[in-house]
Protein backbone atom coordinates (compact mmCIF):
# COMPACT_ATOMS: atom_id res chain seq x y z
CA MET A 1 74.85 69.74 13.90
CA SER A 2 74.05 67.58 10.89
CA GLY A 3 76.68 69.47 8.88
CA ALA A 4 79.29 68.97 11.59
CA LEU A 5 78.61 65.24 11.65
CA GLY A 6 78.49 64.98 7.90
CA THR A 7 75.02 63.44 8.15
CA THR A 8 71.61 64.70 7.11
CA PHE A 9 68.75 63.59 9.32
CA PRO A 10 65.32 63.21 7.67
CA ALA A 11 62.58 65.52 8.85
CA PRO A 12 60.55 63.74 11.52
CA VAL A 13 56.94 62.80 10.99
CA ASP A 14 54.73 65.67 12.12
CA ARG A 15 52.57 65.40 15.21
CA ALA A 16 49.31 65.24 13.25
CA THR A 17 50.56 62.17 11.38
CA ASP A 18 51.84 60.66 14.64
CA ALA A 19 48.37 61.11 16.13
CA ARG A 20 46.61 59.62 13.10
CA ILE A 21 48.84 56.52 13.16
CA PHE A 22 48.30 56.18 16.91
CA TRP A 23 44.50 56.28 16.74
CA ARG A 24 44.34 53.99 13.71
CA LEU A 25 46.51 51.24 15.17
CA ILE A 26 46.89 51.38 18.95
CA PRO A 27 43.23 50.96 20.03
CA ILE A 28 42.77 47.63 18.20
CA ILE A 29 46.22 46.45 19.31
CA LEU A 30 45.54 47.45 22.91
CA VAL A 31 42.15 45.69 22.96
CA SER A 32 43.73 42.56 21.44
CA LEU A 33 46.44 42.53 24.09
CA VAL A 34 43.95 43.03 26.91
CA ILE A 35 41.94 40.05 25.67
CA ASN A 36 45.14 38.05 25.22
CA GLN A 37 46.30 38.64 28.75
CA LEU A 38 42.82 38.00 30.16
CA ASP A 39 42.57 34.65 28.38
CA LYS A 40 46.08 33.77 29.51
CA VAL A 41 45.61 34.28 33.26
CA ASN A 42 41.85 33.94 33.86
CA VAL A 43 42.70 30.38 34.88
CA ALA A 44 44.05 31.91 38.12
CA PHE A 45 40.49 32.86 39.07
CA ALA A 46 38.95 29.69 37.68
CA LYS A 47 41.19 27.75 40.09
CA LEU A 48 39.12 28.93 43.05
CA GLN A 49 36.13 26.89 41.79
CA MET A 50 37.64 24.59 39.18
CA ALA A 51 40.32 22.97 41.37
CA PRO A 52 37.85 21.36 43.81
CA ASP A 53 35.39 20.57 40.99
CA ILE A 54 37.82 18.54 38.87
CA GLY A 55 40.30 17.47 41.55
CA LEU A 56 43.36 19.67 40.92
CA SER A 57 46.10 19.85 43.56
CA ASN A 58 48.27 22.96 43.81
CA THR A 59 51.03 21.11 41.97
CA ALA A 60 48.67 19.98 39.19
CA TYR A 61 47.27 23.49 38.83
CA GLY A 62 50.78 25.00 38.66
CA LEU A 63 51.77 22.45 36.01
CA GLY A 64 48.63 23.09 33.96
CA ALA A 65 48.93 26.86 34.25
CA GLY A 66 52.53 26.68 33.10
CA ILE A 67 52.23 24.00 30.40
CA PHE A 68 50.56 26.64 28.24
CA PHE A 69 54.03 28.11 27.74
CA ILE A 70 55.50 24.83 26.47
CA GLY A 71 53.20 24.86 23.45
CA TYR A 72 53.68 28.61 23.15
CA CYS A 73 57.47 28.37 23.09
CA LEU A 74 57.70 25.40 20.72
CA PHE A 75 55.76 27.27 18.02
CA GLU A 76 56.82 30.86 18.75
CA VAL A 77 59.69 31.17 16.26
CA PRO A 78 57.99 29.39 13.31
CA SER A 79 54.83 31.41 13.95
CA ASN A 80 56.70 34.71 13.77
CA MET A 81 58.56 33.59 10.64
CA LEU A 82 55.18 32.92 9.00
CA LEU A 83 53.91 36.31 10.14
CA HIS A 84 56.92 37.95 8.49
CA LYS A 85 56.15 36.06 5.26
CA VAL A 86 52.35 36.37 5.01
CA GLY A 87 51.85 39.69 6.80
CA ALA A 88 50.63 40.77 10.22
CA ARG A 89 46.97 41.22 9.31
CA ALA A 90 46.28 37.66 8.15
CA TRP A 91 48.44 35.88 10.72
CA ILE A 92 47.37 37.83 13.79
CA THR A 93 43.74 37.38 12.72
CA ARG A 94 44.35 33.60 12.63
CA ILE A 95 45.95 33.69 16.08
CA LEU A 96 43.08 35.67 17.63
CA VAL A 97 40.35 33.41 16.25
CA THR A 98 41.98 30.07 17.13
CA TRP A 99 42.96 31.10 20.64
CA GLY A 100 39.46 32.43 21.32
CA VAL A 101 37.95 29.08 20.35
CA LEU A 102 40.43 27.08 22.43
CA SER A 103 40.14 29.38 25.44
CA ALA A 104 36.39 28.78 25.45
CA CYS A 105 37.05 25.03 25.21
CA THR A 106 38.69 25.13 28.65
CA MET A 107 35.12 24.92 29.96
CA PHE A 108 35.10 21.23 28.99
CA VAL A 109 38.05 20.07 31.13
CA THR A 110 37.16 17.29 33.56
CA GLY A 111 40.46 16.49 35.25
CA PRO A 112 44.20 17.14 35.24
CA ARG A 113 44.89 15.44 31.89
CA SER A 114 42.26 17.32 29.90
CA PHE A 115 43.34 20.53 31.68
CA TYR A 116 46.95 19.97 30.57
CA LEU A 117 45.86 19.21 26.99
CA VAL A 118 43.72 22.31 26.52
CA ARG A 119 46.36 24.56 28.07
CA PHE A 120 49.03 23.10 25.78
CA LEU A 121 46.88 23.60 22.66
CA LEU A 122 46.01 27.13 23.76
CA GLY A 123 49.73 27.89 23.96
CA ILE A 124 50.22 26.65 20.39
CA ALA A 125 47.31 28.80 19.18
CA GLU A 126 48.68 31.97 20.81
CA ALA A 127 52.29 31.40 19.70
CA GLY A 128 53.67 34.36 17.81
CA PHE A 129 51.12 36.91 18.97
CA ALA A 130 53.21 39.04 21.38
CA PRO A 131 56.43 39.10 19.28
CA GLY A 132 54.32 39.58 16.15
CA ILE A 133 52.70 42.66 17.65
CA MET A 134 56.13 43.90 18.77
CA LEU A 135 57.55 43.43 15.28
CA TYR A 136 54.56 45.21 13.75
CA VAL A 137 54.81 48.17 16.13
CA SER A 138 58.56 48.54 15.51
CA GLN A 139 57.74 49.03 11.80
CA TRP A 140 55.33 51.91 12.47
CA PHE A 141 56.70 53.95 15.39
CA PRO A 142 60.17 55.61 15.49
CA ALA A 143 62.57 55.42 18.43
CA ARG A 144 61.61 58.88 19.73
CA THR A 145 58.10 57.66 20.63
CA ARG A 146 58.53 53.89 20.78
CA GLY A 147 59.06 53.66 24.54
CA ARG A 148 55.78 55.43 25.26
CA ILE A 149 53.93 53.47 22.57
CA ILE A 150 55.17 50.15 23.92
CA ALA A 151 54.22 51.21 27.45
CA ILE A 152 50.74 52.26 26.33
CA PHE A 153 49.89 48.96 24.72
CA MET A 154 51.72 47.02 27.44
CA THR A 155 49.27 48.56 29.90
CA ALA A 156 47.09 45.79 28.49
CA LEU A 157 48.68 43.55 31.14
CA PRO A 158 47.46 45.56 34.16
CA ILE A 159 44.25 46.67 32.40
CA SER A 160 43.32 43.02 31.93
CA GLY A 161 43.82 42.59 35.68
CA VAL A 162 41.76 45.66 36.55
CA ILE A 163 38.91 44.59 34.26
CA GLY A 164 39.38 40.86 34.26
CA SER A 165 39.65 40.19 37.99
CA PRO A 166 36.24 41.67 38.93
CA LEU A 167 34.70 40.40 35.66
CA SER A 168 35.92 36.84 36.19
CA ALA A 169 34.75 36.92 39.80
CA TRP A 170 31.34 38.27 38.76
CA LEU A 171 30.88 35.64 36.04
CA MET A 172 31.85 32.84 38.39
CA THR A 173 29.41 33.95 41.08
CA SER A 174 26.54 35.35 38.98
CA ALA A 175 26.30 32.95 36.06
CA PRO A 176 23.58 30.42 36.84
CA ASP A 177 24.49 26.76 37.08
CA SER A 178 22.37 26.09 34.00
CA LEU A 179 22.84 23.79 31.01
CA GLY A 180 25.00 21.69 33.32
CA LEU A 181 27.69 24.39 33.49
CA ARG A 182 29.32 25.83 36.59
CA GLY A 183 30.33 29.48 37.05
CA TRP A 184 33.97 28.90 36.03
CA GLN A 185 32.80 27.19 32.83
CA TRP A 186 30.61 30.15 31.89
CA MET A 187 33.59 32.40 32.55
CA PHE A 188 35.79 30.59 30.02
CA LEU A 189 32.99 30.62 27.43
CA VAL A 190 32.14 34.31 27.79
CA GLU A 191 35.77 35.46 27.89
CA GLY A 192 36.76 33.40 24.85
CA VAL A 193 34.27 35.01 22.44
CA PRO A 194 35.85 38.53 22.37
CA ALA A 195 39.10 37.12 20.94
CA VAL A 196 37.22 35.78 17.91
CA LEU A 197 35.44 39.11 17.41
CA CYS A 198 38.71 41.01 17.79
CA GLY A 199 40.28 38.79 15.12
CA ILE A 200 37.58 39.80 12.67
CA ALA A 201 38.10 43.48 13.56
CA PHE A 202 41.87 43.14 13.10
CA TRP A 203 41.36 41.75 9.58
CA LEU A 204 39.03 44.62 8.66
CA LEU A 205 40.92 47.55 10.22
CA VAL A 206 44.68 46.94 10.22
CA PRO A 207 46.96 47.45 7.18
CA ASN A 208 49.90 45.10 6.60
CA THR A 209 52.50 47.76 5.87
CA ILE A 210 52.93 51.52 5.69
CA ASP A 211 52.36 51.36 1.91
CA ASP A 212 48.94 49.73 2.52
CA ALA A 213 47.74 52.59 4.75
CA THR A 214 45.16 54.40 2.59
CA TRP A 215 44.79 57.06 5.30
CA LEU A 216 48.38 58.32 4.76
CA ASP A 217 49.44 60.34 1.71
CA GLU A 218 52.66 59.57 -0.17
CA SER A 219 54.74 62.28 1.55
CA GLU A 220 53.66 60.99 4.99
CA LYS A 221 54.52 57.42 4.01
CA THR A 222 57.96 58.48 2.78
CA ALA A 223 58.71 60.45 5.96
CA LEU A 224 57.48 57.62 8.19
CA LYS A 225 59.50 54.94 6.38
CA ALA A 226 62.62 57.07 6.63
CA GLU A 227 62.21 57.69 10.35
CA VAL A 228 61.44 54.11 11.41
CA GLY A 229 64.28 52.79 9.24
CA GLN A 230 62.05 50.98 6.77
CA SER A 231 65.02 50.62 4.45
CA ALA A 232 66.33 48.02 6.89
CA ASP A 233 63.07 46.12 7.10
CA HIS A 234 64.29 43.36 4.81
CA ALA A 235 67.85 43.39 6.08
CA GLY A 236 69.37 40.59 8.06
CA SER A 237 68.16 37.02 8.05
CA PHE A 238 66.11 34.60 10.12
CA ALA A 239 69.31 32.74 11.05
CA ARG A 240 71.01 35.88 12.35
CA GLY A 241 68.20 36.43 14.84
CA LEU A 242 68.91 32.98 16.27
CA SER A 243 72.72 33.27 16.36
CA ASP A 244 73.25 36.79 17.76
CA ALA A 245 74.76 36.51 21.27
CA ARG A 246 73.05 39.74 22.29
CA VAL A 247 69.67 38.17 21.53
CA TRP A 248 70.44 35.24 23.81
CA MET A 249 71.41 37.59 26.62
CA LEU A 250 68.10 39.42 26.13
CA CYS A 251 66.38 36.02 26.34
CA ALA A 252 67.94 35.46 29.78
CA ILE A 253 66.90 38.92 30.98
CA TYR A 254 63.35 38.45 29.76
CA PHE A 255 63.19 34.96 31.30
CA ALA A 256 64.03 36.41 34.72
CA PHE A 257 61.48 39.23 34.61
CA VAL A 258 58.68 37.10 33.13
CA ALA A 259 59.29 34.46 35.81
CA ALA A 260 58.57 37.07 38.46
CA LEU A 261 55.55 38.39 36.55
CA TYR A 262 53.77 35.11 35.83
CA GLY A 263 54.83 33.54 39.11
CA VAL A 264 52.95 36.29 40.94
CA SER A 265 50.10 36.69 38.41
CA PHE A 266 49.03 33.04 38.37
CA TRP A 267 48.97 32.95 42.18
CA LEU A 268 47.71 36.46 42.91
CA PRO A 269 44.11 35.52 43.80
CA THR A 270 45.46 32.75 46.04
CA LEU A 271 47.90 35.19 47.68
CA VAL A 272 45.10 37.70 48.27
CA LYS A 273 42.91 34.97 49.76
CA SER A 274 45.74 33.93 52.10
CA LEU A 275 45.78 37.45 53.55
CA GLY A 276 42.29 36.99 54.93
CA PHE A 277 40.04 38.29 52.17
CA VAL A 278 36.99 36.10 51.73
CA GLY A 279 34.48 35.61 48.93
CA ILE A 280 35.30 35.43 45.23
CA ARG A 281 33.95 38.92 44.51
CA GLU A 282 35.98 40.52 47.29
CA ILE A 283 39.09 38.72 46.09
CA GLY A 284 38.34 39.93 42.55
CA ALA A 285 38.07 43.54 43.66
CA MET A 286 41.25 43.42 45.77
CA THR A 287 43.20 41.63 43.02
CA ALA A 288 42.42 44.51 40.64
CA LEU A 289 44.30 47.03 42.83
CA PRO A 290 47.88 45.84 42.11
CA TYR A 291 47.15 46.00 38.38
CA ALA A 292 45.68 49.49 38.66
CA ALA A 293 48.81 50.74 40.42
CA ALA A 294 50.96 49.20 37.69
CA ILE A 295 49.34 51.27 34.92
CA LEU A 296 50.60 54.57 36.33
CA THR A 297 54.05 53.15 37.10
CA MET A 298 54.47 51.79 33.58
CA LEU A 299 53.48 55.04 31.88
CA VAL A 300 55.56 57.34 34.11
CA LEU A 301 58.75 55.28 33.77
CA ALA A 302 58.26 54.88 30.00
CA TRP A 303 57.69 58.62 29.54
CA ASN A 304 60.83 59.47 31.50
CA SER A 305 62.85 56.84 29.63
CA ASP A 306 61.81 58.39 26.30
CA ARG A 307 62.45 61.91 27.62
CA THR A 308 65.99 61.11 28.73
CA GLY A 309 66.82 58.48 26.11
CA GLU A 310 68.09 56.22 28.93
CA ARG A 311 66.89 52.58 28.91
CA ARG A 312 68.92 50.28 31.19
CA LYS A 313 68.73 52.16 34.51
CA HIS A 314 64.96 52.60 34.20
CA LEU A 315 64.54 48.85 33.69
CA ALA A 316 66.87 48.03 36.58
CA LEU A 317 65.04 50.42 38.91
CA ALA A 318 61.66 48.83 38.16
CA GLY A 319 63.00 45.30 38.65
CA THR A 320 64.76 46.11 41.92
CA PHE A 321 61.74 47.90 43.34
CA GLY A 322 59.44 45.00 42.42
CA ALA A 323 61.76 42.40 43.98
CA VAL A 324 62.23 44.31 47.25
CA CYS A 325 58.49 44.89 47.64
CA LEU A 326 57.74 41.22 46.90
CA ILE A 327 60.08 40.22 49.73
CA LEU A 328 58.40 42.76 52.02
CA SER A 329 54.97 41.29 51.18
CA VAL A 330 56.16 38.02 52.74
CA ILE A 331 57.96 39.57 55.73
CA LEU A 332 54.85 41.63 56.61
CA ARG A 333 52.37 38.73 56.45
CA ALA A 334 51.57 39.20 60.16
CA THR A 335 49.95 42.54 59.25
CA PRO A 336 47.81 41.72 56.20
CA MET A 337 47.12 45.29 55.05
CA TRP A 338 50.82 46.19 55.01
CA SER A 339 51.57 42.92 53.25
CA PHE A 340 48.90 43.69 50.65
CA ALA A 341 50.30 47.21 50.16
CA ALA A 342 53.75 45.70 49.52
CA LEU A 343 52.17 43.24 47.07
CA ILE A 344 50.54 46.14 45.19
CA ALA A 345 53.92 47.90 44.93
CA ALA A 346 55.65 44.66 43.89
CA MET A 347 53.24 44.10 40.99
CA ALA A 348 53.67 47.74 39.90
CA GLY A 349 57.44 47.34 39.70
CA ILE A 350 57.45 43.89 38.13
CA LEU A 351 54.87 44.77 35.48
CA ALA A 352 56.79 47.94 34.58
CA THR A 353 59.83 45.84 33.60
CA ILE A 354 58.01 44.38 30.58
CA PRO A 355 57.52 47.51 28.41
CA LEU A 356 60.86 48.90 29.58
CA PHE A 357 62.57 45.68 28.53
CA TRP A 358 61.20 45.85 24.98
CA ASN A 359 63.01 49.15 24.42
CA LEU A 360 66.22 47.07 24.31
CA PRO A 361 65.64 44.65 21.39
CA THR A 362 63.60 47.13 19.33
CA ALA A 363 66.59 49.49 19.42
CA PHE A 364 68.80 47.33 17.19
CA LEU A 365 66.90 44.36 15.69
CA LYS A 366 65.31 44.88 12.26
CA GLY A 367 63.51 42.95 9.52
CA ALA A 368 63.90 39.17 9.34
CA THR A 369 66.46 39.32 12.16
CA ALA A 370 63.85 41.02 14.33
CA ALA A 371 61.19 38.46 13.38
CA THR A 372 63.20 35.55 14.74
CA GLY A 373 64.96 37.60 17.43
CA PHE A 374 61.72 38.86 18.97
CA ALA A 375 60.18 35.40 18.73
CA LEU A 376 63.20 33.74 20.34
CA ILE A 377 63.24 36.27 23.17
CA THR A 378 59.54 35.77 23.84
CA SER A 379 59.81 32.01 23.46
CA ILE A 380 62.72 31.51 25.86
CA GLY A 381 61.43 34.18 28.20
CA ASN A 382 58.01 32.62 28.41
CA LEU A 383 59.46 29.25 29.37
CA SER A 384 59.58 30.87 32.78
CA GLY A 385 55.79 31.06 32.52
CA PHE A 386 55.92 27.28 32.78
CA VAL A 387 58.65 27.05 35.39
CA ALA A 388 57.54 29.76 37.83
CA PRO A 389 53.88 28.77 38.48
CA TYR A 390 54.87 25.11 38.73
CA VAL A 391 57.68 25.79 41.21
CA VAL A 392 55.39 27.94 43.35
CA GLY A 393 52.79 25.14 43.27
CA VAL A 394 55.29 22.48 44.34
CA VAL A 395 56.67 24.68 47.12
CA THR A 396 53.16 25.55 48.32
CA ASP A 397 52.17 21.87 48.53
CA ALA A 398 55.43 21.01 50.31
CA THR A 399 55.44 23.84 52.86
CA GLY A 400 51.78 24.75 53.18
CA ASN A 401 52.46 28.41 52.25
CA THR A 402 53.74 30.51 49.33
CA ALA A 403 56.56 32.35 51.15
CA SER A 404 59.50 30.40 49.70
CA GLY A 405 57.99 30.66 46.23
CA MET A 406 57.78 34.46 46.50
CA TYR A 407 61.41 34.66 47.63
CA ALA A 408 62.40 32.64 44.56
CA LEU A 409 60.44 35.00 42.27
CA ALA A 410 62.12 38.04 43.87
CA ALA A 411 65.53 36.42 43.30
CA ALA A 412 64.64 35.91 39.63
CA ALA A 413 63.88 39.62 39.25
CA ILE A 414 67.22 40.55 40.86
CA VAL A 415 69.05 38.24 38.44
CA GLY A 416 67.29 40.06 35.59
CA VAL A 417 68.45 43.41 36.98
CA LEU A 418 72.08 42.27 37.13
CA LEU A 419 71.96 40.90 33.58
CA VAL A 420 70.57 44.18 32.21
CA PHE A 421 73.98 45.80 32.64
CA THR A 422 75.63 43.23 30.36
CA ILE A 423 73.92 45.01 27.44
CA PRO A 424 76.09 47.97 26.29
CA ALA A 425 74.41 51.30 27.01
CA GLY A 426 75.44 52.65 23.61
CA LEU A 427 73.49 49.88 21.90
CA VAL A 428 70.12 50.73 23.43
CA ASN A 429 70.22 54.25 24.89
CA ARG A 430 68.86 56.84 22.48
CA THR A 431 70.77 59.99 21.53
CA ILE A 432 68.62 63.08 22.03
CA LEU A 433 68.96 65.20 18.90
CA PRO A 434 68.09 68.91 18.87
CA ARG A 435 65.26 68.43 16.38
CA GLU A 436 63.51 66.04 18.79
CA SER A 437 63.06 68.75 21.38
CA LYS A 438 60.79 70.76 19.11
């Protein structure tokens, strides 16, 4: 086949090398992402105690939960440009340590203004982390495995829900009101420390580039660089990542799906409570179920997407399923268990859109273009993390229920699905070569 095409394909990295790279990099990345997501949304649980303690209305909570993304988005692109310049190890270590400290400082908020300030600063501290990790992973894993790899570390989102929901509930109800601190304050303190420790581990364990990996020999490094397209790593420019029309379309798609994700995530404990579940621990246990269901959905869809090489239809299927089930969760409110089942399915579909989405930009963005392109996508997309929780909060205060807010989030997911098909299939779908079937 290569002779017929006039092209010689490099021999792929062998499975033993694949496995060594996986076990050296993915565990620390996965743990970092779990902690990141936990520190990003643990405020949803804190609300159950914190809101009455410091006088937060639903609107004020929604604004504070979302204002995190304003700081995040303002500093996302410059943060990723610095990461590209100084290297992933140093910059991601800095991000982990500073966000851990600021997350713990949320324990000191005393009212809406201090809540807004800490959330804004936390967003600045975390800026660049997600696109930085995405850029780093795209430089280590070839297209034939990238969908599965992205899905594996994106399971950090539901894993943080499975672990974090019961953990946050336990800390809030079990931590003694000692040293003048309430349960929600202890929760922020205890859950902020692991980010600092993970930053130290990242500095000690993670190499900057393939050439820095002492656990690979020269032949393995050469094969890996050829397969991931390392020769293009310094191609392009920062400006190109900001001017490419395809990148801006990806921003719109990501905005729509992230709106649905964070709109539901930041209100999930409140939604579960509205279905008749009582007690913080019970709410914590029930809130973990939608995230648990999402893990399997994410992995199955990602595996099939890699197997077939098809990207767009898998993403559209997940988004449509999530939107329909979110609408059903509202329609079935009169029967709480059916409504909760629909909510579980909705979270599974919506969460699955995130790793499936990242197969699109990683298919064609490289080097400096990828650094700014990934950051811009995450930055614009995460603006919806500000808009969605705030809109749901305003609607909830105005109507006394979250139904209209959930309909709006479902509509956002459907918009994302429609926009997916504006990206040419040939740009992102992967050709299955005979050698890949071995």
